[in-house]
């Protein structure tokens, strides 16, 4: 079993409908990942957990969907 990577991102997704839609899109693109987004957190945290997480791909998908996304330090 491969070790699990976790990446955490700050977004500007503010509504639950937007959050559900975006998480669904990310899950289709990364089917082996566990993904959640807390739209009520001040940083609107997107968490992606998988054997391998490629942050640049996550950021590209989120920003191409019209939202801001950056890695949380």
Protein backbone atom coordinates (compact mmCIF):
# COMPACT_ATOMS: atom_id res chain seq x y z
CA UNK A 1 0.00 0.00 0.00
CA UNK A 2 1.33 3.41 -0.99
CA UNK A 3 1.57 6.17 1.60
CA UNK A 4 -1.12 8.81 1.45
CA UNK A 5 -0.37 12.42 0.55
CA UNK A 6 -2.53 15.28 1.75
CA UNK A 7 -2.61 18.75 0.19
CA UNK A 8 -4.64 21.61 1.61
CA UNK A 9 -5.71 24.60 -0.46
CA UNK A 10 -7.28 27.99 0.23
CA UNK A 11 -10.19 28.81 -2.10
CA UNK A 12 -12.91 31.41 -2.49
CA UNK A 13 -15.78 28.93 -2.90
CA UNK A 14 -18.49 30.45 -0.74
CA UNK A 15 -21.73 28.57 -1.33
CA UNK A 16 -22.64 24.96 -0.58
CA UNK A 17 -23.97 24.42 -4.12
CA UNK A 18 -20.68 25.65 -5.58
CA UNK A 19 -18.77 23.47 -3.15
CA UNK A 20 -20.74 20.33 -4.06
CA UNK A 21 -20.36 21.03 -7.77
CA UNK A 22 -16.61 21.63 -7.54
CA UNK A 23 -15.95 18.60 -5.32
CA UNK A 24 -17.93 16.46 -7.79
CA UNK A 25 -15.81 17.75 -10.68
CA UNK A 26 -12.58 17.09 -8.78
CA UNK A 27 -13.72 13.58 -7.80
CA UNK A 28 -14.44 12.76 -11.44
CA UNK A 29 -10.96 13.95 -12.39
CA UNK A 30 -9.26 12.27 -9.40
CA UNK A 31 -11.44 9.19 -8.72
CA UNK A 32 -8.97 7.55 -6.31
CA UNK A 33 -8.85 10.63 -4.07
CA UNK A 34 -10.70 11.69 -0.93
CA UNK A 35 -11.77 15.29 -1.43
CA UNK A 36 -13.70 17.70 0.73
CA UNK A 37 -14.25 21.44 0.84
CA UNK A 38 -15.28 23.41 3.91
CA UNK A 39 -17.03 26.47 2.45
CA UNK A 40 -17.81 27.76 5.95
CA UNK A 41 -14.15 27.95 7.05
CA UNK A 42 -12.56 31.39 6.71
CA UNK A 43 -10.07 29.99 4.17
CA UNK A 44 -12.72 27.85 2.42
CA UNK A 45 -10.36 24.91 2.76
CA UNK A 46 -10.14 22.29 0.03
CA UNK A 47 -8.47 19.07 1.19
CA UNK A 48 -7.25 16.44 -1.26
CA UNK A 49 -5.95 13.09 -0.01
CA UNK A 50 -4.53 10.44 -2.37
CA UNK A 51 -1.56 8.19 -3.03
CA UNK A 52 -0.21 11.05 -5.16
CA UNK A 53 -1.53 14.60 -5.25
CA UNK A 54 -0.41 16.96 -7.99
CA UNK A 55 -1.20 20.45 -6.62
CA UNK A 56 -0.72 22.17 -9.97
CA UNK A 57 -3.49 20.02 -11.51
CA UNK A 58 -5.86 20.72 -8.63
CA UNK A 59 -5.18 24.46 -8.86
CA UNK A 60 -5.67 24.41 -12.66
CA UNK A 61 -9.03 22.62 -12.39
CA UNK A 62 -10.30 24.93 -9.65
CA UNK A 63 -9.16 28.14 -11.36
CA UNK A 64 -10.49 27.02 -14.75
CA UNK A 65 -13.85 26.63 -13.00
CA UNK A 66 -13.77 30.31 -12.02
CA UNK A 67 -12.50 30.07 -8.45
CA UNK A 68 -9.30 31.11 -6.70
CA UNK A 69 -7.09 28.33 -5.38
CA UNK A 70 -3.67 28.31 -3.70
CA UNK A 71 -1.74 25.91 -1.49
CA UNK A 72 -2.05 26.67 2.21
CA UNK A 73 1.40 26.86 3.79
